[in-house]
Amino acid sequence: MKLEKDKVQIIEHDPLFEEVFKKEYKRLKNAFKHSEILHVGSSSVPIPSKPIVDIMIAVSIVKETQVKKLESLGYKFIGYVANNGARIFLVLENDPYDIYLHLVRKNGKCYKDTKRFKDILLKNADIRQIYSELKYGLVKASDNRDMYSLHKGSFIDFLLENHDENTVDLEAIRRKKEEVLVDHAYTVRLLGETKIKLNKYSDKIKMKPK
């Protein structure tokens, strides 16, 4: 399933997500024998997701040679974030779902946050429900990818900073969801469907020149 550039589409969880990951895992493990390879993102959890499969490869040091190795497997470099240890983004056109690959430093902030957020979702059905409602609410207001990423990211940051699995405050999480939806709706009204870049990494992300 191919995504329109700069637009977000959300679908119900598809069991095929895991099959796509398992198949690609074998290819990647042959090339990265000593690295941790994980299925991450919404497609790895039973919640609505963009029609893509996110995979994270954690390496001790991120190197250009690793990108070259992935490109030899058909991946295309699309950008990187240089804060908190390099995070490199690549995409593989694949049937039925494209694969978005995150090459990160093992035990860096991105690695830890990604694993922790998945763990929070897997352990708490109520939080999964709230997060699902947020995602549908954001897309209903606008399918602009940058707006979606910006506001979804603020919810994720809140959860990572405040979550305590021993004393889960669902009301605070619901309030944050509503706050994010209000902010998102205001941004949509303020900017309309412009081409302004609102990526939450806008001050750090470096995209491949067109």
N, C-alpha and C. Protein backbone atom coordinates (compact mmCIF):
# COMPACT_ATOMS: atom_id res chain seq x y z
N MET A 1 0.85 -1.19 0.00
CA MET A 1 0.00 0.00 0.00
C MET A 1 0.88 1.24 0.00
N LYS A 2 0.71 2.11 -0.98
CA LYS A 2 1.56 3.28 -1.12
C LYS A 2 0.90 4.50 -0.49
N LEU A 3 1.70 5.28 0.23
CA LEU A 3 1.20 6.48 0.89
C LEU A 3 1.39 7.69 -0.01
N GLU A 4 0.41 8.61 0.06
CA GLU A 4 0.57 9.87 -0.63
C GLU A 4 1.59 10.72 0.13
N LYS A 5 2.47 11.38 -0.60
CA LYS A 5 3.49 12.20 0.02
C LYS A 5 2.84 13.31 0.84
N ASP A 6 3.35 13.51 2.05
CA ASP A 6 2.91 14.58 2.96
C ASP A 6 1.52 14.37 3.53
N LYS A 7 0.90 13.21 3.29
CA LYS A 7 -0.44 12.95 3.83
C LYS A 7 -0.42 11.71 4.71
N VAL A 8 -1.30 11.71 5.71
CA VAL A 8 -1.38 10.60 6.66
C VAL A 8 -2.65 9.80 6.41
N GLN A 9 -2.51 8.50 6.43
CA GLN A 9 -3.65 7.59 6.35
C GLN A 9 -3.54 6.62 7.51
N ILE A 10 -4.65 6.36 8.19
CA ILE A 10 -4.68 5.43 9.32
C ILE A 10 -5.60 4.26 8.98
N ILE A 11 -5.13 3.04 9.25
CA ILE A 11 -5.95 1.85 9.03
C ILE A 11 -5.98 1.03 10.31
N GLU A 12 -6.92 0.11 10.40
CA GLU A 12 -6.97 -0.79 11.54
C GLU A 12 -5.76 -1.73 11.52
N HIS A 13 -5.42 -2.24 12.69
CA HIS A 13 -4.26 -3.13 12.78
C HIS A 13 -4.44 -4.35 11.87
N ASP A 14 -3.39 -4.68 11.14
CA ASP A 14 -3.42 -5.80 10.21
C ASP A 14 -2.41 -6.85 10.67
N PRO A 15 -2.84 -8.10 10.90
CA PRO A 15 -1.90 -9.16 11.29
C PRO A 15 -0.75 -9.33 10.30
N LEU A 16 -0.94 -8.87 9.07
CA LEU A 16 0.12 -8.98 8.08
C LEU A 16 1.33 -8.12 8.43
N PHE A 17 1.14 -7.10 9.28
CA PHE A 17 2.27 -6.28 9.70
C PHE A 17 3.39 -7.16 10.27
N GLU A 18 3.00 -8.08 11.14
CA GLU A 18 3.99 -8.94 11.79
C GLU A 18 4.65 -9.88 10.78
N GLU A 19 3.88 -10.35 9.81
CA GLU A 19 4.44 -11.23 8.79
C GLU A 19 5.46 -10.49 7.93
N VAL A 20 5.15 -9.23 7.60
CA VAL A 20 6.09 -8.42 6.82
C VAL A 20 7.39 -8.24 7.61
N PHE A 21 7.25 -7.97 8.92
CA PHE A 21 8.44 -7.80 9.75
C PHE A 21 9.28 -9.08 9.79
N LYS A 22 8.63 -10.21 10.03
CA LYS A 22 9.37 -11.47 10.16
C LYS A 22 10.14 -11.80 8.88
N LYS A 23 9.51 -11.55 7.75
CA LYS A 23 10.16 -11.83 6.47
C LYS A 23 11.38 -10.93 6.27
N GLU A 24 11.21 -9.64 6.58
CA GLU A 24 12.31 -8.70 6.39
C GLU A 24 13.40 -8.89 7.45
N TYR A 25 13.00 -9.33 8.63
CA TYR A 25 13.96 -9.58 9.70
C TYR A 25 15.05 -10.55 9.24
N LYS A 26 14.65 -11.59 8.52
CA LYS A 26 15.62 -12.59 8.06
C LYS A 26 16.64 -11.97 7.12
N ARG A 27 16.17 -11.11 6.22
CA ARG A 27 17.10 -10.44 5.30
C ARG A 27 18.06 -9.52 6.05
N LEU A 28 17.50 -8.75 6.98
CA LEU A 28 18.31 -7.79 7.70
C LEU A 28 19.31 -8.47 8.64
N LYS A 29 18.89 -9.58 9.24
CA LYS A 29 19.77 -10.27 10.18
C LYS A 29 20.99 -10.84 9.47
N ASN A 30 20.84 -11.22 8.23
CA ASN A 30 21.99 -11.71 7.46
C ASN A 30 23.02 -10.60 7.26
N ALA A 31 22.53 -9.36 7.16
CA ALA A 31 23.43 -8.23 6.92
C ALA A 31 23.92 -7.59 8.22
N PHE A 32 23.11 -7.71 9.29
CA PHE A 32 23.46 -7.10 10.59
C PHE A 32 23.40 -8.19 11.67
N LYS A 33 24.30 -9.14 11.56
CA LYS A 33 24.26 -10.34 12.41
C LYS A 33 24.37 -10.03 13.90
N HIS A 34 25.09 -8.99 14.27
CA HIS A 34 25.34 -8.72 15.69
C HIS A 34 24.53 -7.52 16.21
N SER A 35 23.53 -7.11 15.44
CA SER A 35 22.73 -5.95 15.84
C SER A 35 21.33 -6.38 16.26
N GLU A 36 20.72 -5.58 17.12
CA GLU A 36 19.35 -5.83 17.56
C GLU A 36 18.39 -5.26 16.52
N ILE A 37 17.44 -6.08 16.08
CA ILE A 37 16.48 -5.67 15.06
C ILE A 37 15.08 -5.85 15.63
N LEU A 38 14.32 -4.76 15.70
CA LEU A 38 13.03 -4.78 16.38
C LEU A 38 11.91 -4.24 15.51
N HIS A 39 10.74 -4.83 15.67
CA HIS A 39 9.51 -4.30 15.08
C HIS A 39 8.99 -3.24 16.04
N VAL A 40 8.88 -1.99 15.59
CA VAL A 40 8.48 -0.90 16.46
C VAL A 40 7.34 -0.12 15.82
N GLY A 41 6.94 0.97 16.49
CA GLY A 41 5.87 1.79 15.95
C GLY A 41 4.50 1.15 16.14
N SER A 42 3.48 1.83 15.65
CA SER A 42 2.10 1.38 15.85
C SER A 42 1.81 0.04 15.19
N SER A 43 2.52 -0.28 14.11
CA SER A 43 2.26 -1.56 13.44
C SER A 43 2.70 -2.75 14.29
N SER A 44 3.49 -2.49 15.35
CA SER A 44 3.96 -3.56 16.23
C SER A 44 3.06 -3.77 17.44
N VAL A 45 1.99 -2.98 17.52
CA VAL A 45 1.06 -3.01 18.66
C VAL A 45 -0.36 -3.12 18.10
N PRO A 46 -1.29 -3.78 18.79
CA PRO A 46 -2.65 -3.92 18.26
C PRO A 46 -3.47 -2.63 18.37
N ILE A 47 -3.08 -1.63 17.57
CA ILE A 47 -3.79 -0.35 17.51
C ILE A 47 -3.81 0.11 16.05
N PRO A 48 -4.64 1.10 15.72
CA PRO A 48 -4.62 1.65 14.36
C PRO A 48 -3.24 2.18 14.01
N SER A 49 -2.90 2.11 12.73
CA SER A 49 -1.55 2.45 12.31
C SER A 49 -1.57 3.04 10.90
N LYS A 50 -0.52 3.79 10.59
CA LYS A 50 -0.30 4.11 9.18
C LYS A 50 0.00 2.79 8.47
N PRO A 51 -0.32 2.67 7.19
CA PRO A 51 -0.09 1.41 6.48
C PRO A 51 1.38 1.21 6.11
N ILE A 52 2.23 1.19 7.13
CA ILE A 52 3.66 0.94 6.97
C ILE A 52 4.13 0.07 8.12
N VAL A 53 5.28 -0.55 7.95
CA VAL A 53 5.90 -1.35 9.01
C VAL A 53 7.20 -0.67 9.41
N ASP A 54 7.30 -0.29 10.69
CA ASP A 54 8.52 0.34 11.20
C ASP A 54 9.45 -0.70 11.79
N ILE A 55 10.71 -0.63 11.39
CA ILE A 55 11.74 -1.52 11.91
C ILE A 55 12.89 -0.67 12.44
N MET A 56 13.40 -1.04 13.60
CA MET A 56 14.54 -0.33 14.18
C MET A 56 15.74 -1.28 14.27
N ILE A 57 16.87 -0.83 13.75
CA ILE A 57 18.13 -1.55 13.90
C ILE A 57 19.01 -0.75 14.85
N ALA A 58 19.43 -1.39 15.94
CA ALA A 58 20.27 -0.72 16.94
C ALA A 58 21.70 -1.20 16.80
N VAL A 59 22.61 -0.26 16.57
CA VAL A 59 24.03 -0.58 16.38
C VAL A 59 24.85 0.18 17.41
N SER A 60 26.05 -0.31 17.69
CA SER A 60 26.89 0.35 18.69
C SER A 60 27.33 1.73 18.24
N ILE A 61 27.66 1.86 16.96
CA ILE A 61 28.03 3.14 16.36
C ILE A 61 27.38 3.22 14.99
N VAL A 62 26.69 4.32 14.72
CA VAL A 62 26.06 4.51 13.41
C VAL A 62 27.11 4.97 12.41
N LYS A 63 27.22 4.23 11.30
CA LYS A 63 28.25 4.53 10.30
C LYS A 63 27.63 4.62 8.91
N GLU A 64 28.31 5.36 8.05
CA GLU A 64 27.84 5.50 6.67
C GLU A 64 27.86 4.16 5.95
N THR A 65 28.79 3.28 6.32
CA THR A 65 28.87 1.98 5.66
C THR A 65 27.60 1.16 5.90
N GLN A 66 26.95 1.38 7.04
CA GLN A 66 25.71 0.66 7.33
C GLN A 66 24.58 1.14 6.42
N VAL A 67 24.58 2.43 6.13
CA VAL A 67 23.59 2.97 5.20
C VAL A 67 23.82 2.37 3.81
N LYS A 68 25.07 2.29 3.41
CA LYS A 68 25.39 1.70 2.11
C LYS A 68 24.94 0.25 2.04
N LYS A 69 25.11 -0.46 3.14
CA LYS A 69 24.69 -1.86 3.19
C LYS A 69 23.17 -1.97 3.01
N LEU A 70 22.44 -1.07 3.67
CA LEU A 70 20.98 -1.08 3.54
C LEU A 70 20.55 -0.68 2.14
N GLU A 71 21.26 0.26 1.55
CA GLU A 71 20.93 0.65 0.17
C GLU A 71 21.15 -0.51 -0.79
N SER A 72 22.13 -1.36 -0.49
CA SER A 72 22.36 -2.53 -1.34
C SER A 72 21.22 -3.54 -1.23
N LEU A 73 20.43 -3.43 -0.14
CA LEU A 73 19.27 -4.29 0.05
C LEU A 73 17.99 -3.67 -0.52
N GLY A 74 18.13 -2.50 -1.14
CA GLY A 74 16.98 -1.86 -1.76
C GLY A 74 16.40 -0.69 -1.01
N TYR A 75 16.95 -0.37 0.16
CA TYR A 75 16.45 0.76 0.94
C TYR A 75 16.92 2.08 0.34
N LYS A 76 16.10 3.11 0.52
CA LYS A 76 16.45 4.45 0.06
C LYS A 76 16.60 5.38 1.26
N PHE A 77 17.72 6.07 1.31
CA PHE A 77 17.97 7.03 2.38
C PHE A 77 17.02 8.22 2.23
N ILE A 78 16.36 8.62 3.33
CA ILE A 78 15.45 9.77 3.25
C ILE A 78 15.79 10.89 4.23
N GLY A 79 16.62 10.64 5.24
CA GLY A 79 16.98 11.72 6.15
C GLY A 79 17.56 11.21 7.45
N TYR A 80 17.97 12.16 8.30
CA TYR A 80 18.52 11.76 9.60
C TYR A 80 18.31 12.86 10.63
N VAL A 81 18.37 12.46 11.89
CA VAL A 81 18.34 13.39 13.02
C VAL A 81 19.65 13.22 13.75
N ALA A 82 20.33 14.32 14.04
CA ALA A 82 21.67 14.23 14.61
C ALA A 82 21.71 14.40 16.12
N ASN A 83 20.55 14.62 16.76
CA ASN A 83 20.56 14.81 18.21
C ASN A 83 20.44 13.48 18.93
N ASN A 84 20.99 13.41 20.14
CA ASN A 84 20.88 12.22 20.99
C ASN A 84 21.37 10.95 20.29
N GLY A 85 22.44 11.09 19.54
CA GLY A 85 22.92 9.95 18.77
C GLY A 85 22.20 9.91 17.44
N ALA A 86 22.90 9.56 16.40
CA ALA A 86 22.32 9.62 15.06
C ALA A 86 21.10 8.71 14.94
N ARG A 87 20.13 9.19 14.20
CA ARG A 87 18.96 8.39 13.85
C ARG A 87 18.74 8.58 12.36
N ILE A 88 18.95 7.52 11.61
CA ILE A 88 18.89 7.61 10.16
C ILE A 88 17.62 6.92 9.67
N PHE A 89 16.94 7.56 8.73
CA PHE A 89 15.68 7.04 8.20
C PHE A 89 15.88 6.53 6.78
N LEU A 90 15.37 5.33 6.53
CA LEU A 90 15.39 4.77 5.18
C LEU A 90 14.03 4.14 4.90
N VAL A 91 13.71 3.97 3.63
CA VAL A 91 12.43 3.37 3.27
C VAL A 91 12.66 2.30 2.20
N LEU A 92 11.89 1.23 2.30
CA LEU A 92 11.93 0.16 1.32
C LEU A 92 10.53 -0.01 0.75
N GLU A 93 10.39 0.16 -0.55
CA GLU A 93 9.10 -0.09 -1.18
C GLU A 93 8.85 -1.59 -1.16
N ASN A 94 7.71 -1.97 -0.63
CA ASN A 94 7.45 -3.37 -0.36
C ASN A 94 5.96 -3.65 -0.47
N ASP A 95 5.61 -4.87 -0.85
CA ASP A 95 4.22 -5.28 -0.97
C ASP A 95 3.91 -6.30 0.13
N PRO A 96 2.84 -6.14 0.94
CA PRO A 96 1.76 -5.16 0.78
C PRO A 96 2.00 -3.84 1.50
N TYR A 97 3.05 -3.76 2.35
CA TYR A 97 3.30 -2.53 3.10
C TYR A 97 4.75 -2.11 2.97
N ASP A 98 4.96 -0.82 2.71
CA ASP A 98 6.33 -0.30 2.70
C ASP A 98 6.94 -0.43 4.09
N ILE A 99 8.27 -0.47 4.13
CA ILE A 99 9.00 -0.59 5.39
C ILE A 99 9.78 0.69 5.64
N TYR A 100 9.58 1.27 6.82
CA TYR A 100 10.35 2.43 7.26
C TYR A 100 11.37 1.95 8.28
N LEU A 101 12.64 2.18 7.99
CA LEU A 101 13.70 1.66 8.84
C LEU A 101 14.40 2.79 9.59
N HIS A 102 14.60 2.57 10.88
CA HIS A 102 15.27 3.53 11.75
C HIS A 102 16.59 2.91 12.19
N LEU A 103 17.69 3.50 11.78
CA LEU A 103 19.01 3.04 12.18
C LEU A 103 19.47 3.92 13.34
N VAL A 104 19.62 3.33 14.53
CA VAL A 104 19.88 4.13 15.72
C VAL A 104 21.06 3.57 16.52
N ARG A 105 21.54 4.40 17.44
CA ARG A 105 22.60 3.96 18.35
C ARG A 105 21.99 3.18 19.50
N LYS A 106 22.48 1.98 19.72
CA LYS A 106 21.97 1.14 20.81
C LYS A 106 22.19 1.83 22.15
N ASN A 107 21.13 1.84 22.96
CA ASN A 107 21.12 2.46 24.28
C ASN A 107 21.15 3.99 24.24
N GLY A 108 20.98 4.57 23.04
CA GLY A 108 20.82 6.02 22.93
C GLY A 108 19.39 6.40 23.30
N LYS A 109 19.11 7.69 23.36
CA LYS A 109 17.78 8.16 23.77
C LYS A 109 16.68 7.66 22.84
N CYS A 110 16.91 7.73 21.54
CA CYS A 110 15.90 7.28 20.59
C CYS A 110 15.59 5.80 20.79
N TYR A 111 16.63 5.00 20.95
CA TYR A 111 16.47 3.56 21.17
C TYR A 111 15.64 3.30 22.43
N LYS A 112 16.00 3.96 23.53
CA LYS A 112 15.31 3.74 24.80
C LYS A 112 13.87 4.23 24.75
N ASP A 113 13.65 5.42 24.18
CA ASP A 113 12.30 5.97 24.12
C ASP A 113 11.38 5.12 23.26
N THR A 114 11.90 4.65 22.13
CA THR A 114 11.08 3.83 21.22
C THR A 114 10.66 2.53 21.88
N LYS A 115 11.60 1.87 22.54
CA LYS A 115 11.28 0.61 23.22
C LYS A 115 10.32 0.84 24.39
N ARG A 116 10.54 1.91 25.13
CA ARG A 116 9.69 2.18 26.30
C ARG A 116 8.27 2.51 25.89
N PHE A 117 8.11 3.31 24.84
CA PHE A 117 6.77 3.67 24.40
C PHE A 117 5.99 2.44 23.94
N LYS A 118 6.65 1.56 23.21
CA LYS A 118 6.00 0.32 22.79
C LYS A 118 5.60 -0.50 24.01
N ASP A 119 6.48 -0.58 24.99
CA ASP A 119 6.21 -1.36 26.20
C ASP A 119 5.00 -0.80 26.96
N ILE A 120 4.91 0.53 27.04
CA ILE A 120 3.77 1.17 27.71
C ILE A 120 2.47 0.78 27.02
N LEU A 121 2.46 0.84 25.70
CA LEU A 121 1.25 0.51 24.95
C LEU A 121 0.87 -0.96 25.10
N LEU A 122 1.85 -1.84 25.05
CA LEU A 122 1.57 -3.27 25.15
C LEU A 122 0.99 -3.64 26.51
N LYS A 123 1.41 -2.93 27.55
CA LYS A 123 1.01 -3.29 28.91
C LYS A 123 -0.32 -2.69 29.34
N ASN A 124 -0.82 -1.68 28.62
CA ASN A 124 -2.01 -0.98 29.11
C ASN A 124 -3.03 -0.75 27.99
N ALA A 125 -4.13 -1.51 28.03
CA ALA A 125 -5.17 -1.41 27.01
C ALA A 125 -5.85 -0.05 27.02
N ASP A 126 -6.00 0.56 28.20
CA ASP A 126 -6.64 1.88 28.28
C ASP A 126 -5.80 2.94 27.57
N ILE A 127 -4.49 2.88 27.75
CA ILE A 127 -3.63 3.85 27.07
C ILE A 127 -3.65 3.60 25.56
N ARG A 128 -3.70 2.34 25.16
CA ARG A 128 -3.81 2.04 23.72
C ARG A 128 -5.08 2.67 23.15
N GLN A 129 -6.18 2.59 23.89
CA GLN A 129 -7.44 3.16 23.43
C GLN A 129 -7.35 4.68 23.31
N ILE A 130 -6.78 5.32 24.32
CA ILE A 130 -6.64 6.78 24.30
C ILE A 130 -5.76 7.21 23.13
N TYR A 131 -4.67 6.50 22.93
CA TYR A 131 -3.74 6.84 21.84
C TYR A 131 -4.41 6.63 20.48
N SER A 132 -5.21 5.58 20.36
CA SER A 132 -5.93 5.33 19.11
C SER A 132 -6.92 6.45 18.82
N GLU A 133 -7.64 6.88 19.86
CA GLU A 133 -8.59 7.99 19.70
C GLU A 133 -7.86 9.26 19.27
N LEU A 134 -6.70 9.48 19.84
CA LEU A 134 -5.91 10.65 19.46
C LEU A 134 -5.55 10.60 17.98
N LYS A 135 -5.07 9.47 17.53
CA LYS A 135 -4.62 9.35 16.14
C LYS A 135 -5.77 9.59 15.17
N TYR A 136 -6.91 8.99 15.44
CA TYR A 136 -8.06 9.21 14.56
C TYR A 136 -8.53 10.66 14.61
N GLY A 137 -8.48 11.26 15.81
CA GLY A 137 -8.89 12.65 15.94
C GLY A 137 -7.99 13.60 15.17
N LEU A 138 -6.69 13.34 15.21
CA LEU A 138 -5.74 14.18 14.47
C LEU A 138 -5.98 14.10 12.97
N VAL A 139 -6.16 12.89 12.47
CA VAL A 139 -6.35 12.71 11.03
C VAL A 139 -7.69 13.28 10.57
N LYS A 140 -8.70 13.19 11.44
CA LYS A 140 -10.02 13.74 11.09
C LYS A 140 -9.93 15.25 10.87
N ALA A 141 -9.10 15.92 11.67
CA ALA A 141 -8.95 17.37 11.54
C ALA A 141 -8.11 17.75 10.33
N SER A 142 -7.08 16.95 10.05
CA SER A 142 -6.20 17.23 8.91
C SER A 142 -5.33 16.01 8.63
N ASP A 143 -5.13 15.70 7.35
CA ASP A 143 -4.25 14.59 7.00
C ASP A 143 -2.84 15.07 6.66
N ASN A 144 -2.53 16.32 7.03
CA ASN A 144 -1.19 16.85 6.81
C ASN A 144 -0.19 16.11 7.70
N ARG A 145 0.81 15.50 7.09
CA ARG A 145 1.75 14.64 7.82
C ARG A 145 2.54 15.41 8.89
N ASP A 146 2.97 16.62 8.56
CA ASP A 146 3.78 17.37 9.52
C ASP A 146 2.97 17.80 10.74
N MET A 147 1.72 18.24 10.51
CA MET A 147 0.86 18.60 11.64
C MET A 147 0.60 17.38 12.51
N TYR A 148 0.32 16.26 11.86
CA TYR A 148 0.05 15.02 12.58
C TYR A 148 1.25 14.62 13.44
N SER A 149 2.45 14.64 12.86
CA SER A 149 3.66 14.23 13.57
C SER A 149 3.97 15.16 14.74
N LEU A 150 3.78 16.46 14.51
CA LEU A 150 4.07 17.44 15.55
C LEU A 150 3.21 17.20 16.79
N HIS A 151 1.90 17.06 16.60
CA HIS A 151 1.00 16.96 17.74
C HIS A 151 0.98 15.56 18.35
N LYS A 152 1.10 14.54 17.53
CA LYS A 152 1.22 13.20 18.09
C LYS A 152 2.49 13.09 18.93
N GLY A 153 3.56 13.73 18.45
CA GLY A 153 4.82 13.70 19.17
C GLY A 153 4.73 14.34 20.54
N SER A 154 3.92 15.40 20.67
CA SER A 154 3.80 16.05 21.98
C SER A 154 3.10 15.13 22.98
N PHE A 155 2.16 14.31 22.50
CA PHE A 155 1.49 13.34 23.37
C PHE A 155 2.47 12.26 23.81
N ILE A 156 3.26 11.76 22.87
CA ILE A 156 4.24 10.71 23.18
C ILE A 156 5.26 11.23 24.19
N ASP A 157 5.74 12.45 23.98
CA ASP A 157 6.71 13.04 24.92
C ASP A 157 6.11 13.14 26.32
N PHE A 158 4.84 13.56 26.40
CA PHE A 158 4.17 13.67 27.69
C PHE A 158 4.11 12.31 28.38
N LEU A 159 3.76 11.29 27.62
CA LEU A 159 3.63 9.95 28.20
C LEU A 159 4.98 9.44 28.69
N LEU A 160 6.01 9.63 27.90
CA LEU A 160 7.34 9.16 28.29
C LEU A 160 7.85 9.89 29.53
N GLU A 161 7.52 11.16 29.65
CA GLU A 161 8.01 11.95 30.78
C GLU A 161 7.23 11.70 32.07
N ASN A 162 5.95 11.33 31.94
CA ASN A 162 5.09 11.28 33.13
C ASN A 162 4.57 9.89 33.51
N HIS A 163 4.76 8.91 32.64
CA HIS A 163 4.16 7.61 32.91
C HIS A 163 4.86 6.87 34.05
N ASP A 164 4.06 6.35 34.96
CA ASP A 164 4.53 5.48 36.04
C ASP A 164 3.60 4.28 36.06
N GLU A 165 4.10 3.12 35.67
CA GLU A 165 3.22 1.95 35.53
C GLU A 165 2.63 1.50 36.86
N ASN A 166 3.21 1.95 37.96
CA ASN A 166 2.67 1.58 39.28
C ASN A 166 1.49 2.46 39.69
N THR A 167 1.44 3.68 39.14
CA THR A 167 0.32 4.59 39.45
C THR A 167 -0.10 5.29 38.16
N VAL A 168 -0.75 4.56 37.28
CA VAL A 168 -1.15 5.11 35.98
C VAL A 168 -2.28 6.12 36.17
N ASP A 169 -2.06 7.34 35.71
CA ASP A 169 -3.05 8.42 35.84
C ASP A 169 -3.77 8.57 34.50
N LEU A 170 -4.81 7.76 34.30
CA LEU A 170 -5.52 7.78 33.03
C LEU A 170 -6.22 9.11 32.76
N GLU A 171 -6.70 9.75 33.82
CA GLU A 171 -7.38 11.03 33.63
C GLU A 171 -6.41 12.09 33.10
N ALA A 172 -5.19 12.09 33.61
CA ALA A 172 -4.19 13.04 33.12
C ALA A 172 -3.85 12.75 31.65
N ILE A 173 -3.81 11.47 31.30
CA ILE A 173 -3.50 11.10 29.92
C ILE A 173 -4.65 11.50 29.00
N ARG A 174 -5.89 11.32 29.47
CA ARG A 174 -7.05 11.74 28.66
C ARG A 174 -7.07 13.26 28.49
N ARG A 175 -6.74 13.98 29.55
CA ARG A 175 -6.69 15.45 29.45
C ARG A 175 -5.64 15.88 28.44
N LYS A 176 -4.51 15.20 28.46
CA LYS A 176 -3.45 15.53 27.50
C LYS A 176 -3.93 15.25 26.08
N LYS A 177 -4.64 14.15 25.89
CA LYS A 177 -5.17 13.84 24.56
C LYS A 177 -6.07 14.97 24.07
N GLU A 178 -6.99 15.43 24.92
CA GLU A 178 -7.90 16.50 24.54
C GLU A 178 -7.15 17.80 24.28
N GLU A 179 -6.15 18.07 25.09
CA GLU A 179 -5.33 19.27 24.90
C GLU A 179 -4.63 19.24 23.54
N VAL A 180 -4.09 18.09 23.19
CA VAL A 180 -3.39 17.95 21.91
C VAL A 180 -4.36 18.13 20.75
N LEU A 181 -5.55 17.56 20.86
CA LEU A 181 -6.54 17.70 19.79
C LEU A 181 -6.97 19.15 19.61
N VAL A 182 -7.12 19.87 20.72
CA VAL A 182 -7.48 21.29 20.64
C VAL A 182 -6.35 22.08 19.97
N ASP A 183 -5.12 21.83 20.38
CA ASP A 183 -3.97 22.51 19.77
C ASP A 183 -3.88 22.20 18.28
N HIS A 184 -4.13 20.96 17.94
CA HIS A 184 -4.07 20.53 16.54
C HIS A 184 -5.14 21.25 15.72
N ALA A 185 -6.36 21.28 16.23
CA ALA A 185 -7.46 21.95 15.52
C ALA A 185 -7.15 23.43 15.33
N TYR A 186 -6.57 24.05 16.35
CA TYR A 186 -6.22 25.48 16.25
C TYR A 186 -5.16 25.69 15.18
N THR A 187 -4.16 24.81 15.15
CA THR A 187 -3.09 24.92 14.15
C THR A 187 -3.65 24.76 12.74
N VAL A 188 -4.57 23.82 12.58
CA VAL A 188 -5.19 23.61 11.27
C VAL A 188 -5.93 24.86 10.82
N ARG A 189 -6.69 25.45 11.73
CA ARG A 189 -7.44 26.67 11.39
C ARG A 189 -6.49 27.82 11.09
N LEU A 190 -5.41 27.91 11.86
CA LEU A 190 -4.47 29.02 11.72
C LEU A 190 -3.69 28.96 10.41
N LEU A 191 -3.23 27.77 10.08
CA LEU A 191 -2.36 27.63 8.92
C LEU A 191 -3.07 27.11 7.68
N GLY A 192 -4.21 26.45 7.89
CA GLY A 192 -4.87 25.82 6.76
C GLY A 192 -4.01 24.71 6.21
N GLU A 193 -4.31 24.28 5.03
CA GLU A 193 -3.54 23.20 4.40
C GLU A 193 -2.36 23.79 3.63
N THR A 194 -1.46 24.45 4.37
CA THR A 194 -0.28 25.04 3.74
C THR A 194 0.81 23.99 3.63
N LYS A 195 1.89 24.38 3.02
CA LYS A 195 3.04 23.49 2.87
C LYS A 195 4.10 23.77 3.93
N ILE A 196 3.73 24.54 4.97
CA ILE A 196 4.69 24.86 6.03
C ILE A 196 5.13 23.58 6.73
N LYS A 197 6.42 23.44 6.94
CA LYS A 197 6.96 22.26 7.59
C LYS A 197 6.83 22.39 9.10
N LEU A 198 6.18 21.41 9.73
CA LEU A 198 5.96 21.46 11.17
C LEU A 198 6.52 20.23 11.86
N ASN A 199 7.42 19.53 11.21
CA ASN A 199 7.97 18.33 11.82
C ASN A 199 8.58 18.66 13.17
N LYS A 200 8.34 17.80 14.18
CA LYS A 200 8.85 18.10 15.53
C LYS A 200 10.37 18.11 15.58
N TYR A 201 11.02 17.58 14.54
CA TYR A 201 12.47 17.62 14.47
C TYR A 201 12.93 18.69 13.48
N SER A 202 12.07 19.68 13.19
CA SER A 202 12.34 20.61 12.10
C SER A 202 13.67 21.36 12.26
N ASP A 203 14.11 21.54 13.51
CA ASP A 203 15.37 22.26 13.72
C ASP A 203 16.58 21.34 13.64
N LYS A 204 16.34 20.04 13.50
CA LYS A 204 17.46 19.10 13.53
C LYS A 204 17.49 18.16 12.33
N ILE A 205 16.35 17.89 11.73
CA ILE A 205 16.31 16.87 10.69
C ILE A 205 16.95 17.37 9.41
N LYS A 206 17.70 16.52 8.78
CA LYS A 206 18.36 16.84 7.53
C LYS A 206 17.85 15.87 6.47
N MET A 207 17.21 16.40 5.46
CA MET A 207 16.64 15.55 4.43
C MET A 207 17.58 15.46 3.24
N LYS A 208 17.48 14.34 2.54
CA LYS A 208 18.29 14.15 1.35
C LYS A 208 17.86 15.15 0.29
N PRO A 209 18.80 15.86 -0.34
CA PRO A 209 18.44 16.82 -1.39
C PRO A 209 17.70 16.13 -2.52
N LYS A 210 16.70 16.84 -3.08
CA LYS A 210 15.93 16.26 -4.19
C LYS A 210 16.67 16.46 -5.50
